[in-house]
Amino acid sequence: MLARESNANYPSRRREMANFAAREIKRVCKEIGPRPSGEEAERRAQAYVAESMKSVADRVEVEDFELHPKAFLGWVLTDVVLMLVSGVLLCLSLAGVFGAGRTAALAAATALTVLSLLFLVCEFLLYKPLLDPLFPRRRSQNVICTRAPEKEVRRRIVFCGHMDSAYEWTYLRLGGGKLFAAVVGAAFGSVFVQLVLDVLAFFEFSSAVDTVLLVLAALTTLLVLPGAFFVNWKRPVDGANDNLTGVFASMAVLRFFAANDIRFAHTEVSAVSMGCEEAGLRGAKAFARAHPDDGVETVYIVTDTLRDYAFLGVYNKDMTGLVRLDAGAAALVQRGAKNAGLDLPYAKVFFGASDAAALAQSGLRAATLAAMDPAPARYYHTRGDTADNLDLKTLEAGIDVLLETAFLYDAEGLPHDAAKAQE
C-alpha cells in the first residue's frame, strides 16, 4: 500500500500534518526561542516534545547524555590563538630577532601550526572530540517516540531531526555564502601555507628570500585573525528551519498514523528528536551508543532543513562528503519520493555534517532528506532562520516523502540493488 492510498482524503490529511508542524515550530520559537546545545532552552523544548507526543506514541523515552557543547566550534578560536602565536614566532625568527635561538623558535612555531592543523582536521573534518575536556560540561537529551506494530517487530524505521539551534555565524549574516567562503577559504588555506613557511624557514636563504618569507608569514597570520569572529557566541538563532522542520516533520509521521488509526503489522515506527547536532553530532553519537544493532532490520531517515523546495534531495554522502551513508537507506528514500511524485537527486552535505553521519559511522543504516540551498542559504545559522521564514510547500513535500518511505519500507524493506543504483 502507498501512503496516499491509506486515506481517501490523503492530500488534506497530509496538509494537516504540514500545518501541525508549522504550528509547533512557531510555538517553540515563540515560547522557548533559541535552543543552544546542552542549555536549558534545549531541554525545555525536548520536554515539550516528549509531553506533546504522549497522546500519539505508544512509548516516549527521554535519554540523558553529557557533553561539552562549546568544544566543537571552540576549536576555531583555539586555532586562531595557536596560529597567531605561531605566526609571530615565525615572523620574529625570519626578522633575526632570536639570533642563535632561531631554530628553537621555529620548532615551537611549527609545532603550534601542526597542532592547529590537527584540531582542524579532527574537530571539523572528522568530528573527533579532542578538545572536550577543555570546555564546560552540559547535559542534553534525546527524545524517542515509538508506535509499535500490531504483532512482533520484524523491521524498524526511525525518523530523526535535531532540536538544538546554532550560534550565529558572523560572516554568513554579513555577506552570505560568498563572504563566508572567502573568509573560511582564506583561513583554512593560511594554515597550510604557514606550515610550508615554517618548514622553509629552517633552511638558509638569502636575505631577500627571507624578506619574502617574512611578508608571506605576516599575510598568513593576518588571514587567520577573522576566524576569531566566526561564531557570535552571544547570539543563538531560532533554528526554525534548521532544524525544527526536521523534528516536527518526523513527529508528523507518528501523528498521521495515530490520526488515521494506521498500525503496521510487523514494522515499528519511531520519531526521534535528537539533541546537540550543532555541537558536533553529539546527540546522534550518544543515541548510537545507546541503540546498537539488535538484530532487527532498522533504517534511520534523518531530516534536516526542509526549506528550499528546488534543492529537495536525498543525501547519500555526509560530513563534507567524507562519509558515505547507507546505499539502501538512500535508495529507499529516493523511491519513497517517487511514490510521492518527486524525482529527487542524490546529494552530499556541502559543509559540515548531519546526524546521519554519526549514525553511519556507528554502523547504523542511515540517509538524510534535506532541502537547503547549498550556497549556503542566507538564513543558515543566522538570525534569519525564524518561523516567519518557513516554506509550507517544502515542509509538506518533505512529510509526504517520509510517509511514502515508511509505507514502502513496511511493504518491501530495504532495496537490494541500492549500491548499483547509486553508481
Protein backbone atom coordinates (compact mmCIF):
# COMPACT_ATOMS: atom_id res chain seq x y z
CA MET A 1 0.00 0.00 0.00
CA LEU A 2 1.14 3.55 -0.74
CA ALA A 3 0.71 6.31 1.82
CA ARG A 4 -1.65 8.15 -0.49
CA GLU A 5 -3.84 5.02 -0.62
CA SER A 6 -4.14 4.83 3.16
CA ASN A 7 -6.79 7.53 3.37
CA ALA A 8 -9.41 8.75 0.89
CA ASN A 9 -8.60 12.33 1.90
CA TYR A 10 -4.84 11.90 1.89
CA PRO A 11 -3.95 15.33 0.38
CA SER A 12 -5.92 17.15 3.06
CA ARG A 13 -4.56 14.85 5.79
CA ARG A 14 -1.03 15.48 4.55
CA ARG A 15 -1.66 19.23 4.60
CA GLU A 16 -2.95 18.89 8.18
CA MET A 17 0.37 17.35 9.16
CA ALA A 18 2.30 20.17 7.48
CA ASN A 19 0.13 22.72 9.29
CA PHE A 20 0.73 20.85 12.55
CA ALA A 21 4.50 21.01 12.00
CA ALA A 22 4.37 24.71 11.16
CA ARG A 23 2.28 25.49 14.26
CA GLU A 24 4.63 23.56 16.52
CA ILE A 25 7.68 25.29 15.04
CA LYS A 26 6.11 28.70 15.62
CA ARG A 27 5.13 27.75 19.16
CA VAL A 28 8.62 26.57 20.10
CA CYS A 29 10.22 29.67 18.56
CA LYS A 30 7.80 31.99 20.36
CA GLU A 31 7.57 30.33 23.77
CA ILE A 32 11.08 28.87 24.10
CA GLY A 33 13.20 30.61 21.48
CA PRO A 34 16.80 29.72 20.57
CA ARG A 35 17.99 26.36 21.89
CA PRO A 36 21.80 26.23 22.17
CA SER A 37 23.22 22.74 22.51
CA GLY A 38 23.17 21.48 26.10
CA GLU A 39 21.48 24.58 27.53
CA GLU A 40 18.23 24.85 29.48
CA ALA A 41 16.17 26.02 26.49
CA GLU A 42 17.07 22.89 24.54
CA ARG A 43 15.98 20.68 27.44
CA ARG A 44 12.70 22.63 27.80
CA ALA A 45 11.97 22.11 24.11
CA GLN A 46 12.73 18.40 24.40
CA ALA A 47 10.42 18.16 27.41
CA TYR A 48 7.70 19.83 25.36
CA VAL A 49 8.08 17.31 22.54
CA ALA A 50 8.03 14.39 24.98
CA GLU A 51 4.86 15.61 26.70
CA SER A 52 3.03 16.51 23.49
CA MET A 53 3.72 13.10 21.92
CA LYS A 54 2.44 11.01 24.82
CA SER A 55 -1.07 11.04 23.38
CA VAL A 56 0.22 9.85 19.99
CA ALA A 57 3.06 7.41 20.64
CA ASP A 58 2.81 4.06 22.41
CA ARG A 59 6.11 4.77 24.12
CA VAL A 60 8.03 8.02 24.80
CA GLU A 61 11.57 7.72 26.17
CA VAL A 62 13.86 10.53 27.26
CA GLU A 63 17.54 9.60 27.28
CA ASP A 64 20.03 11.90 29.01
CA PHE A 65 23.65 12.27 27.98
CA GLU A 66 26.52 14.59 28.89
CA LEU A 67 28.78 16.55 26.57
CA HIS A 68 30.99 19.62 26.23
CA PRO A 69 28.97 21.54 23.60
CA LYS A 70 31.24 24.53 23.01
CA ALA A 71 34.24 22.33 22.29
CA PHE A 72 33.05 21.64 18.74
CA LEU A 73 33.29 25.21 17.40
CA GLY A 74 35.56 26.25 20.23
CA TRP A 75 38.40 24.78 18.18
CA VAL A 76 38.10 27.77 15.82
CA LEU A 77 39.17 30.32 18.42
CA THR A 78 41.72 27.85 19.78
CA ASP A 79 43.24 27.57 16.32
CA VAL A 80 43.26 31.33 15.86
CA VAL A 81 45.27 31.78 19.06
CA LEU A 82 47.68 28.98 18.14
CA MET A 83 48.20 30.36 14.64
CA LEU A 84 48.71 33.92 15.84
CA VAL A 85 51.40 32.82 18.28
CA SER A 86 52.94 30.59 15.61
CA GLY A 87 52.87 33.42 13.09
CA VAL A 88 54.51 35.88 15.46
CA LEU A 89 57.27 33.38 16.29
CA LEU A 90 57.85 32.74 12.58
CA CYS A 91 57.97 36.43 11.69
CA LEU A 92 60.35 37.29 14.53
CA SER A 93 62.56 34.35 13.57
CA LEU A 94 62.75 35.48 9.94
CA ALA A 95 63.49 39.04 11.11
CA GLY A 96 66.51 37.74 13.04
CA VAL A 97 65.20 38.69 16.46
CA PHE A 98 66.02 35.36 18.13
CA GLY A 99 69.58 35.05 16.84
CA ALA A 100 71.01 31.71 17.97
CA GLY A 101 67.60 30.76 19.32
CA ARG A 102 66.05 30.84 15.86
CA THR A 103 65.87 27.06 15.50
CA ALA A 104 64.08 26.63 18.81
CA ALA A 105 61.60 29.39 17.96
CA LEU A 106 60.93 27.86 14.55
CA ALA A 107 60.41 24.45 16.14
CA ALA A 108 57.84 25.97 18.50
CA ALA A 109 56.10 27.79 15.62
CA THR A 110 55.94 24.59 13.57
CA ALA A 111 54.59 22.59 16.50
CA LEU A 112 51.81 25.13 17.05
CA THR A 113 50.88 25.11 13.36
CA VAL A 114 50.77 21.31 13.30
CA LEU A 115 48.64 21.31 16.45
CA SER A 116 46.17 23.76 14.94
CA LEU A 117 46.03 21.67 11.77
CA LEU A 118 45.33 18.60 13.89
CA PHE A 119 42.41 20.34 15.59
CA LEU A 120 41.05 21.49 12.23
CA VAL A 121 41.12 18.02 10.74
CA CYS A 122 39.91 16.12 13.80
CA GLU A 123 37.28 18.52 15.15
CA PHE A 124 35.86 19.77 11.84
CA LEU A 125 36.55 17.22 9.12
CA LEU A 126 36.29 14.09 11.28
CA TYR A 127 34.17 15.37 14.20
CA LYS A 128 36.53 13.81 16.74
CA PRO A 129 36.14 15.33 20.24
CA LEU A 130 39.78 16.19 21.04
CA LEU A 131 39.11 19.43 22.92
CA ASP A 132 36.15 18.37 25.04
CA PRO A 133 37.97 18.31 28.42
CA LEU A 134 38.89 21.99 27.99
CA PHE A 135 35.27 23.19 27.87
CA PRO A 136 32.36 23.17 30.36
CA ARG A 137 30.23 20.05 30.71
CA ARG A 138 26.50 20.21 29.98
CA ARG A 139 23.55 17.82 29.90
CA SER A 140 21.28 17.17 26.95
CA GLN A 141 18.61 14.69 25.89
CA ASN A 142 17.31 12.60 23.02
CA VAL A 143 13.55 12.04 22.89
CA ILE A 144 12.35 8.80 21.26
CA CYS A 145 8.68 8.39 20.36
CA THR A 146 7.58 4.96 19.12
CA ARG A 147 4.48 3.44 17.54
CA ALA A 148 4.52 -0.33 17.92
CA PRO A 149 3.32 -2.75 15.26
CA GLU A 150 0.28 -4.98 15.70
CA LYS A 151 2.45 -8.08 16.06
CA GLU A 152 6.12 -8.88 16.68
CA VAL A 153 8.72 -6.38 15.47
CA ARG A 154 10.49 -7.58 12.32
CA ARG A 155 11.52 -4.21 10.91
CA ARG A 156 12.04 -0.74 12.30
CA ILE A 157 12.11 2.68 10.64
CA VAL A 158 13.29 5.69 12.62
CA PHE A 159 12.75 9.31 11.52
CA CYS A 160 15.07 11.89 13.09
CA GLY A 161 15.54 15.64 13.39
CA HIS A 162 17.60 17.71 15.82
CA MET A 163 16.17 20.09 18.39
CA ASP A 164 19.14 22.36 19.13
CA SER A 165 19.86 25.56 17.22
CA ALA A 166 23.20 27.05 16.27
CA TYR A 167 25.05 30.12 17.43
CA GLU A 168 25.11 32.69 14.65
CA TRP A 169 27.86 32.52 12.05
CA THR A 170 29.00 36.11 11.63
CA TYR A 171 30.14 36.11 8.01
CA LEU A 172 27.04 34.36 6.70
CA ARG A 173 24.94 37.09 8.27
CA LEU A 174 27.13 39.90 6.97
CA GLY A 175 27.75 38.73 3.42
CA GLY A 176 26.08 35.41 2.71
CA GLY A 177 27.79 32.48 1.06
CA LYS A 178 30.40 34.44 -0.89
CA LEU A 179 31.85 36.26 2.11
CA PHE A 180 31.61 33.09 4.19
CA ALA A 181 33.51 31.05 1.58
CA ALA A 182 36.14 33.76 1.20
CA VAL A 183 36.84 34.06 4.92
CA VAL A 184 36.81 30.32 5.58
CA GLY A 185 38.89 29.55 2.48
CA ALA A 186 41.47 32.16 3.37
CA ALA A 187 41.70 31.00 6.98
CA PHE A 188 41.97 27.31 6.11
CA GLY A 189 44.44 27.98 3.32
CA SER A 190 46.63 30.13 5.55
CA VAL A 191 47.14 27.23 7.97
CA PHE A 192 48.56 25.03 5.22
CA VAL A 193 50.63 27.88 3.73
CA GLN A 194 52.10 28.75 7.11
CA LEU A 195 53.12 25.13 7.67
CA VAL A 196 55.08 25.30 4.40
CA LEU A 197 56.67 28.59 5.50
CA ASP A 198 57.55 27.08 8.89
CA VAL A 199 59.46 24.28 7.15
CA LEU A 200 61.18 26.58 4.63
CA ALA A 201 62.36 28.88 7.41
CA PHE A 202 64.63 26.13 8.76
CA PHE A 203 66.80 26.42 5.64
CA GLU A 204 69.35 29.13 4.97
CA PHE A 205 68.37 31.52 2.18
CA SER A 206 69.49 34.94 1.12
CA SER A 207 68.20 37.97 2.99
CA ALA A 208 65.94 38.76 0.02
CA VAL A 209 64.27 35.34 0.22
CA ASP A 210 63.89 35.68 3.98
CA THR A 211 62.18 39.01 3.40
CA VAL A 212 59.72 37.39 1.00
CA LEU A 213 59.04 34.62 3.50
CA LEU A 214 58.56 37.24 6.23
CA VAL A 215 55.95 39.12 4.17
CA LEU A 216 54.11 35.90 3.37
CA ALA A 217 54.18 34.84 7.02
CA ALA A 218 52.73 38.19 8.08
CA LEU A 219 49.95 37.86 5.49
CA THR A 220 49.01 34.33 6.55
CA THR A 221 48.92 35.43 10.17
CA LEU A 222 46.53 38.28 9.33
CA LEU A 223 44.28 35.99 7.28
CA VAL A 224 43.72 33.78 10.32
CA LEU A 225 42.57 36.69 12.51
CA PRO A 226 38.97 36.95 11.14
CA GLY A 227 38.39 33.43 12.42
CA ALA A 228 38.19 34.86 15.92
CA PHE A 229 34.82 36.37 14.96
CA PHE A 230 33.48 33.36 13.02
CA VAL A 231 30.91 32.48 15.72
CA ASN A 232 28.85 35.02 17.64
CA TRP A 233 28.56 33.22 20.97
CA LYS A 234 26.18 35.89 22.26
CA ARG A 235 23.57 35.25 19.55
CA PRO A 236 21.98 31.78 19.28
CA VAL A 237 19.46 31.65 16.44
CA ASP A 238 15.85 30.43 16.40
CA GLY A 239 16.63 27.48 14.13
CA ALA A 240 13.08 27.28 12.74
CA ASN A 241 14.21 25.62 9.53
CA ASP A 242 17.46 24.16 10.87
CA ASN A 243 16.11 22.08 12.33
CA LEU A 244 12.66 22.32 13.85
CA THR A 245 11.36 21.37 10.41
CA GLY A 246 13.18 18.03 10.76
CA VAL A 247 11.92 17.44 14.29
CA PHE A 248 8.27 18.13 13.61
CA ALA A 249 8.22 16.53 10.16
CA SER A 250 9.39 13.35 11.94
CA MET A 251 6.76 13.75 14.66
CA ALA A 252 4.13 14.38 11.96
CA VAL A 253 4.67 10.84 10.67
CA LEU A 254 3.55 9.37 14.01
CA ARG A 255 0.70 11.85 14.25
CA PHE A 256 -0.52 10.85 10.82
CA PHE A 257 -0.53 7.19 11.83
CA ALA A 258 -2.39 7.91 15.07
CA ALA A 259 -4.92 10.30 13.47
CA ASN A 260 -5.76 7.76 10.78
CA ASP A 261 -5.62 4.67 13.04
CA ILE A 262 -2.83 3.07 10.99
CA ARG A 263 -0.55 0.48 12.52
CA PHE A 264 1.79 -1.75 10.52
CA ALA A 265 1.71 -5.48 11.13
CA HIS A 266 5.42 -6.01 11.80
CA THR A 267 7.13 -2.63 11.28
CA GLU A 268 7.87 -0.41 14.26
CA VAL A 269 7.87 3.34 13.51
CA SER A 270 9.80 5.83 15.65
CA ALA A 271 10.44 9.56 15.61
CA VAL A 272 13.49 10.92 17.42
CA SER A 273 14.20 14.48 18.44
CA MET A 274 17.99 14.48 18.72
CA GLY A 275 19.91 16.84 20.95
CA CYS A 276 23.16 18.65 20.21
CA GLU A 277 23.62 18.14 16.48
CA GLU A 278 25.13 21.62 16.27
CA ALA A 279 27.72 20.56 18.85
CA GLY A 280 29.41 18.02 16.59
CA LEU A 281 26.60 15.46 16.31
CA ARG A 282 26.97 14.61 20.00
CA GLY A 283 23.31 13.65 20.40
CA ALA A 284 23.38 11.20 17.49
CA LYS A 285 26.64 9.74 18.79
CA ALA A 286 25.03 9.20 22.21
CA PHE A 287 21.96 7.67 20.56
CA ALA A 288 24.10 5.26 18.53
CA ARG A 289 25.93 4.14 21.68
CA ALA A 290 22.61 3.53 23.44
CA HIS A 291 21.00 1.74 20.49
CA PRO A 292 23.45 -0.61 18.78
CA ASP A 293 22.27 -3.06 16.16
CA ASP A 294 19.94 -5.51 17.93
CA GLY A 295 19.37 -7.86 15.01
CA VAL A 296 16.12 -6.23 13.85
CA GLU A 297 16.48 -4.65 10.40
CA THR A 298 16.47 -0.92 11.14
CA VAL A 299 16.78 2.11 8.90
CA TYR A 300 17.28 5.73 10.00
CA ILE A 301 15.93 8.63 7.96
CA VAL A 302 17.39 11.93 9.14
CA THR A 303 15.51 15.05 8.08
CA ASP A 304 17.32 18.37 8.15
CA THR A 305 16.14 21.80 6.98
CA LEU A 306 13.02 21.44 4.83
CA ARG A 307 13.03 24.95 3.41
CA ASP A 308 14.20 25.30 -0.21
CA TYR A 309 11.93 23.24 -2.49
CA ALA A 310 14.24 23.46 -5.53
CA PHE A 311 17.01 21.78 -3.52
CA LEU A 312 15.00 18.92 -2.01
CA GLY A 313 17.25 15.89 -2.26
CA VAL A 314 18.40 12.61 -0.76
CA TYR A 315 21.84 12.84 0.83
CA ASN A 316 23.99 9.74 0.40
CA LYS A 317 27.29 11.43 1.34
CA ASP A 318 27.87 13.36 4.54
CA MET A 319 30.47 15.10 6.70
CA THR A 320 31.68 17.39 3.89
CA GLY A 321 31.47 14.40 1.55
CA LEU A 322 33.86 12.23 3.57
CA VAL A 323 31.28 9.78 4.96
CA ARG A 324 29.21 7.56 2.67
CA LEU A 325 25.71 6.95 4.01
CA ASP A 326 23.89 3.67 3.62
CA ALA A 327 23.08 2.95 -0.02
CA GLY A 328 19.92 1.03 0.82
CA ALA A 329 18.58 3.77 3.09
CA ALA A 330 19.26 6.46 0.47
CA ALA A 331 17.64 4.39 -2.30
CA LEU A 332 14.64 3.74 -0.06
CA VAL A 333 14.04 7.46 0.45
CA GLN A 334 14.53 8.16 -3.25
CA ARG A 335 11.96 5.51 -4.14
CA GLY A 336 9.62 6.81 -1.46
CA ALA A 337 9.93 10.24 -3.07
CA LYS A 338 8.97 8.75 -6.45
CA ASN A 339 5.84 7.34 -4.84
CA ALA A 340 5.14 10.89 -3.70
CA GLY A 341 5.54 12.11 -7.29
CA LEU A 342 9.01 13.58 -6.82
CA ASP A 343 12.21 12.67 -8.67
CA LEU A 344 14.83 13.57 -6.09
CA PRO A 345 18.57 13.58 -6.88
CA TYR A 346 21.30 12.22 -4.66
CA ALA A 347 23.32 14.93 -2.96
CA LYS A 348 26.02 15.39 -0.32
CA VAL A 349 26.39 17.65 2.69
CA PHE A 350 28.47 20.53 1.30
CA PHE A 351 29.96 21.80 4.58
CA GLY A 352 29.71 20.17 7.98
CA ALA A 353 27.55 17.13 8.68
CA SER A 354 24.11 15.83 9.59
CA ASP A 355 23.19 13.34 12.30
CA ALA A 356 23.17 10.61 9.65
CA ALA A 357 26.97 10.77 9.52
CA ALA A 358 27.30 9.87 13.20
CA LEU A 359 24.77 7.06 12.83
CA ALA A 360 26.55 5.71 9.75
CA GLN A 361 29.94 5.85 11.47
CA SER A 362 28.46 3.68 14.22
CA GLY A 363 27.44 1.05 11.69
CA LEU A 364 23.75 2.01 11.50
CA ARG A 365 21.87 2.31 8.21
CA ALA A 366 21.09 5.97 7.69
CA ALA A 367 20.42 8.56 4.99
CA THR A 368 19.29 12.19 5.02
CA LEU A 369 16.41 14.06 3.41
CA ALA A 370 17.05 17.80 3.18
CA ALA A 371 16.05 20.87 1.20
CA MET A 372 18.56 23.69 1.60
CA ASP A 373 20.36 25.86 -0.91
CA PRO A 374 24.00 24.68 -0.70
CA ALA A 375 25.30 28.20 -1.41
CA PRO A 376 24.65 28.09 1.64
CA ALA A 377 21.25 29.71 2.20
CA ARG A 378 21.35 33.22 3.66
CA TYR A 379 19.25 32.14 6.67
CA TYR A 380 21.56 29.21 7.50
CA HIS A 381 22.95 29.66 11.03
CA THR A 382 21.84 33.29 11.14
CA ARG A 383 19.12 35.30 12.86
CA GLY A 384 17.12 34.99 9.61
CA ASP A 385 16.18 31.39 10.44
CA THR A 386 12.85 32.33 12.02
CA ALA A 387 9.34 30.90 11.99
CA ASP A 388 8.36 33.69 9.57
CA ASN A 389 10.77 32.15 7.05
CA LEU A 390 9.15 28.72 6.75
CA ASP A 391 8.03 27.33 3.39
CA LEU A 392 4.86 25.26 3.80
CA LYS A 393 5.17 23.72 0.31
CA THR A 394 8.59 22.28 1.11
CA LEU A 395 7.52 21.16 4.57
CA GLU A 396 4.50 19.33 3.16
CA ALA A 397 6.57 17.73 0.39
CA GLY A 398 9.08 16.50 2.95
CA ILE A 399 6.37 14.96 5.12
CA ASP A 400 4.88 13.33 2.02
CA VAL A 401 8.25 11.74 1.22
CA LEU A 402 8.64 10.48 4.80
CA LEU A 403 5.18 8.92 4.82
CA GLU A 404 5.65 7.21 1.46
CA THR A 405 9.06 5.97 2.62
CA ALA A 406 7.51 4.44 5.73
CA PHE A 407 4.84 2.62 3.75
CA LEU A 408 7.36 1.46 1.14
CA TYR A 409 9.71 0.13 3.82
CA ASP A 410 6.89 -1.77 5.51
CA ALA A 411 5.95 -3.37 2.20
CA GLU A 412 9.38 -4.14 0.75
CA GLY A 413 12.16 -3.49 3.26
CA LEU A 414 15.48 -2.11 2.05
CA PRO A 415 16.23 -2.21 -1.71
CA HIS A 416 18.65 -4.99 -2.66
CA ASP A 417 20.04 -3.20 -5.72
CA ALA A 418 20.75 0.07 -3.93
CA ALA A 419 24.54 0.13 -4.38
CA LYS A 420 24.24 -0.41 -8.13
CA ALA A 421 21.59 2.30 -8.38
CA GLN A 422 23.93 4.90 -6.88
CA GLU A 423 26.90 4.17 -9.12
